[in-house]
């Protein structure tokens, strides 16, 4: 069930428009201008994590991607209230990362408490599946990192196996992050989900991995982008079909009573 549209949603987004990039494709290759690094969070939610990091590192640009417009407005409002100058938000699908970012343009990528898509048939939707991994390898710089946190052990085990299959180097891993001796040195920004899960006594899984040589993944990247192109074409046809149906309906004679 789709969430109900927030009251005055578009007005609220307009009020924070400096944070929401309408055409992220136009920024491709230019995100880093004026900053020392570019870091991306996929599924930034209400923006607590990305805004917290941005406040600590004003020289780094943080780009949040969130597909739900009802949610991204909250991240934009948080960035506005904090007066941040180094946060930008994309209301879009992570499937199109290579449209938004140039090859090797991002330094680090965050996956925080992503949807676990628990059923076997849904695994392709997981943000660490073959659907997305080649894109991360393409847009991250050589040796760039993915940092993942989740409360879902099944998703985490799946992710770790995927990282290994793609030749990533696992730099740090934990199955109970908040009880690690090195936790205090991590400067961890605790998300809303994380705070809730920790209060419930649930362990948080954590991984930091670095990307393999991009050239070794060229074939997988190409196959991934071919699949995305097919998906885009299906979406285009569906949109055109819907537009044609709407036109036909508007052209039909009305059934008003005489």
Protein backbone atom coordinates (compact mmCIF):
# COMPACT_ATOMS: atom_id res chain seq x y z
CA UNK A 1 0.00 0.00 0.00
CA UNK A 2 1.39 3.38 -0.98
CA UNK A 3 1.82 5.91 1.82
CA UNK A 4 -0.56 8.83 1.74
CA UNK A 5 0.97 11.94 0.18
CA UNK A 6 2.05 14.40 2.85
CA UNK A 7 0.05 17.58 3.12
CA UNK A 8 1.59 20.45 1.13
CA UNK A 9 4.33 18.08 -0.07
CA UNK A 10 5.34 20.03 -3.16
CA UNK A 11 5.30 23.35 -1.32
CA UNK A 12 7.52 21.84 1.36
CA UNK A 13 9.94 20.50 -1.24
CA UNK A 14 9.98 23.88 -3.01
CA UNK A 15 10.93 25.51 0.29
CA UNK A 16 14.00 23.22 0.43
CA UNK A 17 14.63 23.18 -3.32
CA UNK A 18 18.32 24.07 -2.99
CA UNK A 19 18.91 20.59 -1.53
CA UNK A 20 16.93 18.52 -4.06
CA UNK A 21 18.59 18.05 -7.45
CA UNK A 22 15.86 17.92 -10.09
CA UNK A 23 18.13 16.70 -12.91
CA UNK A 24 20.96 14.71 -11.34
CA UNK A 25 22.18 13.75 -14.83
CA UNK A 26 23.24 17.38 -15.28
CA UNK A 27 25.60 17.06 -12.30
CA UNK A 28 27.32 13.97 -13.67
CA UNK A 29 31.07 14.47 -13.52
CA UNK A 30 30.69 17.74 -11.57
CA UNK A 31 29.59 16.65 -8.07
CA UNK A 32 33.05 17.07 -6.60
CA UNK A 33 33.47 20.72 -7.63
CA UNK A 34 34.46 22.64 -4.49
CA UNK A 35 34.75 19.52 -2.31
CA UNK A 36 37.51 17.11 -1.38
CA UNK A 37 35.36 14.00 -1.82
CA UNK A 38 31.89 12.76 -2.75
CA UNK A 39 30.08 10.21 -0.59
CA UNK A 40 26.71 8.67 -1.45
CA UNK A 41 23.99 7.16 0.72
CA UNK A 42 21.42 4.96 -0.99
CA UNK A 43 18.09 5.03 0.80
CA UNK A 44 18.85 8.10 2.90
CA UNK A 45 15.39 8.12 4.49
CA UNK A 46 14.75 11.10 6.76
CA UNK A 47 18.37 12.23 6.44
CA UNK A 48 19.61 11.75 9.99
CA UNK A 49 22.69 9.76 8.98
CA UNK A 50 23.76 11.82 5.98
CA UNK A 51 23.16 15.16 7.71
CA UNK A 52 25.04 13.97 10.79
CA UNK A 53 28.07 13.06 8.68
CA UNK A 54 27.85 16.28 6.68
CA UNK A 55 27.94 18.37 9.86
CA UNK A 56 31.17 16.62 10.91
CA UNK A 57 32.86 16.89 7.49
CA UNK A 58 32.05 20.23 5.81
CA UNK A 59 34.69 19.72 3.10
CA UNK A 60 32.98 16.54 1.81
CA UNK A 61 29.83 16.50 -0.33
CA UNK A 62 27.20 13.99 0.78
CA UNK A 63 24.62 12.90 -1.80
CA UNK A 64 21.51 11.11 -0.55
CA UNK A 65 19.34 9.03 -2.86
CA UNK A 66 15.78 8.28 -1.81
CA UNK A 67 13.06 6.94 -4.09
CA UNK A 68 10.11 7.97 -1.88
CA UNK A 69 9.21 11.63 -2.33
CA UNK A 70 7.22 11.64 0.92
CA UNK A 71 10.43 10.76 2.75
CA UNK A 72 13.04 12.81 0.92
CA UNK A 73 11.21 16.00 1.90
CA UNK A 74 12.06 15.19 5.53
CA UNK A 75 15.75 14.84 4.66
CA UNK A 76 15.65 18.16 2.81
CA UNK A 77 13.97 19.86 5.75
CA UNK A 78 16.57 18.45 8.14
CA UNK A 79 19.43 19.73 5.97
CA UNK A 80 17.70 23.11 5.81
CA UNK A 81 17.19 23.32 9.57
CA UNK A 82 20.87 22.47 10.13
CA UNK A 83 22.03 25.02 7.55
CA UNK A 84 24.24 22.47 5.78
CA UNK A 85 26.15 23.49 2.67
CA UNK A 86 27.43 20.06 1.71
CA UNK A 87 24.30 17.92 1.25
CA UNK A 88 22.41 17.27 -1.98
CA UNK A 89 19.50 14.89 -2.46
CA UNK A 90 18.25 12.87 -5.42
CA UNK A 91 14.63 11.74 -5.54
CA UNK A 92 15.32 8.76 -7.79
CA UNK A 93 16.09 5.10 -8.21
CA UNK A 94 19.53 3.70 -7.39
CA UNK A 95 19.15 1.55 -10.50
CA UNK A 96 20.18 4.63 -12.49
CA UNK A 97 23.34 5.45 -10.55
CA UNK A 98 25.47 5.42 -13.69
CA UNK A 99 23.23 8.15 -15.13
CA UNK A 100 23.87 10.31 -12.08
CA UNK A 101 27.59 9.76 -11.52
CA UNK A 102 30.64 9.55 -13.74
CA UNK A 103 32.88 6.50 -13.58
CA UNK A 104 34.96 6.63 -10.39
CA UNK A 105 33.32 9.87 -9.23
CA UNK A 106 32.25 8.73 -5.75
CA UNK A 107 34.65 7.95 -2.90
CA UNK A 108 32.37 6.06 -0.54
CA UNK A 109 28.88 4.58 -0.52
CA UNK A 110 26.60 3.85 2.46
CA UNK A 111 23.87 1.21 2.73
CA UNK A 112 22.03 1.65 6.02
CA UNK A 113 19.27 -0.76 7.04
CA UNK A 114 18.18 -1.42 3.47
CA UNK A 115 15.02 -3.37 2.70
CA UNK A 116 15.97 -7.06 3.16
CA UNK A 117 13.57 -8.33 0.47
CA UNK A 118 13.32 -11.65 2.33
CA UNK A 119 11.72 -13.92 -0.27
CA UNK A 120 13.99 -15.81 -2.67
CA UNK A 121 12.29 -14.29 -5.71
CA UNK A 122 12.93 -10.81 -4.28
CA UNK A 123 16.67 -11.15 -3.78
CA UNK A 124 17.39 -9.38 -7.07
CA UNK A 125 15.96 -6.23 -5.48
CA UNK A 126 18.44 -6.27 -2.61
CA UNK A 127 20.86 -3.34 -2.79
CA UNK A 128 23.80 -5.74 -2.63
CA UNK A 129 22.54 -8.02 -5.41
CA UNK A 130 23.89 -8.40 -8.95
CA UNK A 131 21.36 -5.73 -9.94
CA UNK A 132 23.39 -3.04 -8.16
CA UNK A 133 26.92 -4.23 -7.38
CA UNK A 134 28.35 -3.56 -10.87
CA UNK A 135 27.01 -0.01 -10.65
CA UNK A 136 28.77 0.58 -7.33
CA UNK A 137 32.02 -0.71 -8.77
CA UNK A 138 31.62 1.62 -11.75
CA UNK A 139 30.86 4.87 -9.90
CA UNK A 140 33.23 4.33 -6.97
CA UNK A 141 36.87 5.31 -7.36
CA UNK A 142 39.57 2.64 -7.37
CA UNK A 143 39.72 1.33 -3.82
CA UNK A 144 36.53 3.20 -2.89
CA UNK A 145 34.46 1.76 -0.05
CA UNK A 146 31.00 0.46 0.65
CA UNK A 147 29.92 0.70 4.30
CA UNK A 148 26.88 -1.34 5.23
CA UNK A 149 24.83 -1.60 8.41
CA UNK A 150 21.82 -3.85 8.92
CA UNK A 151 19.93 -5.70 11.63
CA UNK A 152 19.02 -8.49 9.17
CA UNK A 153 21.52 -11.35 9.40
CA UNK A 154 20.22 -13.09 6.27
CA UNK A 155 20.70 -9.94 4.21
CA UNK A 156 24.12 -9.40 5.73
CA UNK A 157 25.33 -12.94 4.99
CA UNK A 158 23.99 -12.57 1.44
CA UNK A 159 25.84 -9.25 1.10
CA UNK A 160 29.15 -10.57 2.41
CA UNK A 161 28.98 -13.47 -0.04
CA UNK A 162 28.23 -11.03 -2.87
CA UNK A 163 31.20 -8.84 -1.92
CA UNK A 164 33.46 -11.87 -2.05
CA UNK A 165 32.02 -12.98 -5.40
CA UNK A 166 32.85 -9.56 -6.84
CA UNK A 167 36.41 -9.61 -5.56
CA UNK A 168 35.90 -6.90 -2.94
CA UNK A 169 38.33 -6.71 -0.04
CA UNK A 170 36.62 -6.91 3.34
CA UNK A 171 38.35 -4.31 5.50
CA UNK A 172 36.24 -4.68 8.62
CA UNK A 173 33.30 -6.86 9.60
CA UNK A 174 31.17 -7.21 12.71
CA UNK A 175 28.08 -9.16 13.69
CA UNK A 176 27.49 -7.02 16.79
CA UNK A 177 28.79 -3.55 16.03
CA UNK A 178 27.90 -1.77 19.25
CA UNK A 179 29.84 -4.28 21.35
CA UNK A 180 33.07 -4.13 19.37
CA UNK A 181 36.13 -2.81 21.24
CA UNK A 182 36.79 -0.46 18.31
CA UNK A 183 33.24 0.92 18.18
CA UNK A 184 34.08 4.17 19.99
CA UNK A 185 36.80 4.90 17.41
CA UNK A 186 34.34 4.53 14.53
CA UNK A 187 32.55 7.90 14.89
CA UNK A 188 29.35 6.02 14.04
CA UNK A 189 26.27 8.10 13.21
CA UNK A 190 23.35 6.16 14.73
CA UNK A 191 20.29 6.09 12.47
CA UNK A 192 16.71 6.05 13.77
CA UNK A 193 16.35 2.38 12.85
CA UNK A 194 19.66 1.59 14.49
CA UNK A 195 18.70 3.31 17.72
CA UNK A 196 15.44 1.38 17.81
CA UNK A 197 17.06 -2.00 17.12
CA UNK A 198 19.81 -1.45 19.68
CA UNK A 199 17.22 -0.50 22.33
CA UNK A 200 15.51 -3.83 21.55
CA UNK A 201 18.80 -5.66 22.15
CA UNK A 202 19.23 -6.63 18.50
CA UNK A 203 22.83 -6.88 17.19
CA UNK A 204 23.84 -4.62 14.31
CA UNK A 205 25.88 -6.14 11.49
CA UNK A 206 28.54 -3.94 9.91
CA UNK A 207 30.86 -4.29 6.94
CA UNK A 208 33.36 -2.00 5.26
CA UNK A 209 34.63 -3.28 1.93
CA UNK A 210 36.79 -1.82 -0.82
CA UNK A 211 36.09 -2.16 -4.52
CA UNK A 212 38.03 -4.43 -6.89
CA UNK A 213 39.80 -3.24 -10.03
CA UNK A 214 37.06 -1.89 -12.28
CA UNK A 215 38.55 -3.34 -15.46
CA UNK A 216 38.16 -6.87 -14.08
CA UNK A 217 34.42 -6.27 -13.75
CA UNK A 218 33.89 -4.77 -17.23
CA UNK A 219 31.75 -7.65 -18.47
CA UNK A 220 29.49 -7.64 -15.42
CA UNK A 221 29.12 -3.87 -15.59
CA UNK A 222 28.15 -4.10 -19.27
CA UNK A 223 25.56 -6.83 -18.58
CA UNK A 224 24.11 -4.79 -15.72
CA UNK A 225 23.79 -1.68 -17.87
CA UNK A 226 22.15 -3.68 -20.67
CA UNK A 227 19.55 -4.89 -18.16
CA UNK A 228 18.98 -1.32 -16.99
CA UNK A 229 18.53 -0.15 -20.58
CA UNK A 230 15.87 -2.83 -21.09
CA UNK A 231 14.16 -1.77 -17.88
CA UNK A 232 14.20 1.85 -18.96
CA UNK A 233 12.67 0.94 -22.32
CA UNK A 234 9.89 -1.01 -20.57
CA UNK A 235 9.20 1.98 -18.35
CA UNK A 236 9.13 4.30 -21.37
CA UNK A 237 6.65 2.08 -23.20
CA UNK A 238 4.46 1.77 -20.13
CA UNK A 239 4.46 5.54 -19.72
CA UNK A 240 3.57 6.08 -23.36
CA UNK A 241 0.84 3.47 -23.14
CA UNK A 242 -0.59 5.20 -20.10
CA UNK A 243 -0.47 8.59 -21.84
CA UNK A 244 -2.23 7.16 -24.91
CA UNK A 245 -4.93 5.62 -22.70
CA UNK A 246 -5.44 8.96 -20.96
CA UNK A 247 -5.70 10.77 -24.31
CA UNK A 248 -8.22 8.23 -25.55
CA UNK A 249 -10.30 8.69 -22.43
CA UNK A 250 -10.28 12.48 -22.78
CA UNK A 251 -11.34 12.21 -26.43
CA UNK A 252 -14.25 9.89 -25.67
CA UNK A 253 -17.76 11.46 -25.69
CA UNK A 254 -19.02 12.29 -22.21
CA UNK A 255 -21.95 10.38 -20.75
CA UNK A 256 -23.80 13.39 -19.35
CA UNK A 257 -27.55 13.09 -18.80
CA UNK A 258 -29.75 15.09 -21.09
